[in-house]
Amino acid sequence: QVQLVESGGGLVQAGGSLRLSCAASVRTFTNYAMGWFRQAPGKEREFVGAISRNSGTTYFGDSVKGRFTISRDNANNMVHLQMNSLKPEDTAVYYCAADSTSLYGVATLRNDYYYWGQGTQVTVSS
């Protein structure tokens, strides 16, 4: 069983930055690759980025490449999403998710992730 709790969302002006965090309650955090997704009103849930179990691989969706980074702290069961140069179109609920099937890489499909957090709202004003 994995419980995920996101934090760090809020309101920011375009061009600003936010850092989201996800705390995982799990016995062995390194058994999971971690991902971030987002969902805007009326839209499908979209892959944002992911990080492998040992942080050796990260991958991002095209819409955030070059602006967002992901890191993880395996000692403290945390994963972070650093979001820079935010745009109004980044406004969404952001979800943290855990994937137990990717051994060395990352997954980008929603169905590859079994455990999900409740989400945190990010609003970017123009």
Protein backbone atom coordinates (compact mmCIF):
# COMPACT_ATOMS: atom_id res chain seq x y z
CA GLN A 1 0.00 0.00 0.00
CA VAL A 2 1.28 3.43 -0.96
CA GLN A 3 -0.12 6.73 0.19
CA LEU A 4 0.89 9.90 -1.62
CA VAL A 5 0.33 13.45 -0.44
CA GLU A 6 1.10 16.44 -2.63
CA SER A 7 1.88 19.94 -1.37
CA GLY A 8 3.20 23.23 -2.65
CA GLY A 9 0.46 24.29 -5.03
CA GLY A 10 -0.89 27.82 -5.15
CA LEU A 11 -1.36 30.95 -7.19
CA VAL A 12 1.58 32.41 -9.10
CA GLN A 13 2.02 34.98 -11.82
CA ALA A 14 3.11 34.00 -15.30
CA GLY A 15 6.88 33.67 -15.45
CA GLY A 16 7.10 32.67 -11.82
CA SER A 17 8.10 29.42 -10.18
CA LEU A 18 6.60 26.85 -7.85
CA ARG A 19 7.97 23.71 -6.26
CA LEU A 20 5.59 20.85 -5.68
CA SER A 21 6.40 18.07 -3.27
CA CYS A 22 5.00 14.60 -2.85
CA ALA A 23 5.44 12.65 0.37
CA ALA A 24 5.12 8.89 0.08
CA SER A 25 4.10 6.61 2.92
CA VAL A 26 5.59 3.33 1.84
CA ARG A 27 8.02 0.78 3.23
CA THR A 28 10.42 0.76 0.26
CA PHE A 29 10.25 3.97 -1.74
CA THR A 30 12.92 2.79 -4.17
CA ASN A 31 10.56 0.10 -5.44
CA TYR A 32 8.69 2.82 -7.32
CA ALA A 33 9.35 5.11 -10.21
CA MET A 34 7.48 8.35 -9.60
CA GLY A 35 5.51 10.50 -11.96
CA TRP A 36 3.62 13.76 -12.09
CA PHE A 37 0.45 14.31 -14.08
CA ARG A 38 -1.90 17.26 -14.36
CA GLN A 39 -5.51 17.81 -15.27
CA ALA A 40 -7.09 21.06 -16.31
CA PRO A 41 -10.88 21.54 -16.24
CA GLY A 42 -12.50 19.77 -19.16
CA LYS A 43 -9.28 18.12 -20.28
CA GLU A 44 -7.71 14.69 -20.03
CA ARG A 45 -5.12 13.96 -17.38
CA GLU A 46 -1.76 14.77 -18.95
CA PHE A 47 1.70 13.33 -18.30
CA VAL A 48 4.06 16.00 -16.95
CA GLY A 49 7.21 14.12 -16.02
CA ALA A 50 8.68 11.13 -14.23
CA ILE A 51 11.81 9.97 -12.46
CA SER A 52 13.20 6.47 -12.18
CA ARG A 53 13.80 4.57 -8.96
CA ASN A 54 17.43 5.62 -8.63
CA SER A 55 17.00 9.08 -10.23
CA GLY A 56 19.07 7.96 -13.21
CA THR A 57 16.33 8.71 -15.71
CA THR A 58 13.93 11.61 -15.98
CA TYR A 59 11.49 12.30 -18.77
CA PHE A 60 9.10 15.14 -19.45
CA GLY A 61 6.13 15.90 -21.58
CA ASP A 62 6.74 18.20 -24.52
CA SER A 63 4.74 21.05 -23.02
CA VAL A 64 7.05 21.35 -19.99
CA LYS A 65 10.46 20.32 -21.34
CA GLY A 66 13.13 22.82 -20.43
CA ARG A 67 10.96 24.47 -17.78
CA PHE A 68 10.24 21.72 -15.24
CA THR A 69 12.61 19.40 -13.40
CA ILE A 70 12.04 16.43 -11.12
CA SER A 71 14.11 15.20 -8.22
CA ARG A 72 13.64 12.64 -5.50
CA ASP A 73 14.96 12.14 -2.00
CA ASN A 74 14.91 8.43 -1.36
CA ALA A 75 16.08 8.82 2.22
CA ASN A 76 12.96 10.81 3.06
CA ASN A 77 10.46 9.27 0.61
CA MET A 78 9.94 12.53 -1.24
CA VAL A 79 9.69 13.58 -4.87
CA HIS A 80 9.72 17.18 -6.05
CA LEU A 81 8.57 18.94 -9.19
CA GLN A 82 10.31 22.27 -9.79
CA MET A 83 8.28 24.40 -12.16
CA ASN A 84 9.89 27.47 -13.71
CA SER A 85 8.75 29.98 -16.32
CA LEU A 86 5.15 29.12 -15.56
CA LYS A 87 2.48 29.92 -18.12
CA PRO A 88 -1.30 30.32 -17.71
CA GLU A 89 -1.72 27.05 -19.63
CA ASP A 90 0.10 25.26 -16.79
CA THR A 91 -2.95 25.87 -14.61
CA ALA A 92 -4.26 22.49 -13.46
CA VAL A 93 -4.53 20.09 -10.58
CA TYR A 94 -1.19 18.31 -10.28
CA TYR A 95 -1.05 14.69 -9.19
CA CYS A 96 1.81 12.59 -7.92
CA ALA A 97 1.77 8.91 -8.86
CA ALA A 98 3.78 5.76 -8.15
CA ASP A 99 4.72 3.07 -10.66
CA SER A 100 5.99 -0.31 -9.45
CA THR A 101 6.58 -1.87 -12.87
CA SER A 102 9.35 0.29 -14.34
CA LEU A 103 12.61 -1.18 -13.07
CA TYR A 104 15.17 1.15 -14.65
CA GLY A 105 13.22 3.68 -16.68
CA VAL A 106 9.98 5.58 -16.39
CA ALA A 107 6.44 5.24 -17.63
CA THR A 108 4.44 7.95 -19.33
CA LEU A 109 0.98 6.43 -19.51
CA ARG A 110 -1.62 7.01 -16.85
CA ASN A 111 -2.47 3.31 -16.66
CA ASP A 112 1.11 2.45 -15.72
CA TYR A 113 0.64 4.17 -12.38
CA TYR A 114 -1.35 2.35 -9.73
CA TYR A 115 -1.08 4.71 -6.77
CA TRP A 116 -2.19 8.35 -6.89
CA GLY A 117 -2.28 11.34 -4.59
CA GLN A 118 -5.26 13.62 -4.16
CA GLY A 119 -3.72 16.43 -6.17
CA THR A 120 -2.72 20.02 -5.55
CA GLN A 121 -4.05 23.04 -7.44
CA VAL A 122 -1.67 25.23 -9.41
CA THR A 123 -3.05 28.45 -10.85
CA VAL A 124 -0.96 30.69 -13.07
CA SER A 125 -2.32 34.17 -13.67
CA SER A 126 -1.52 36.18 -16.77
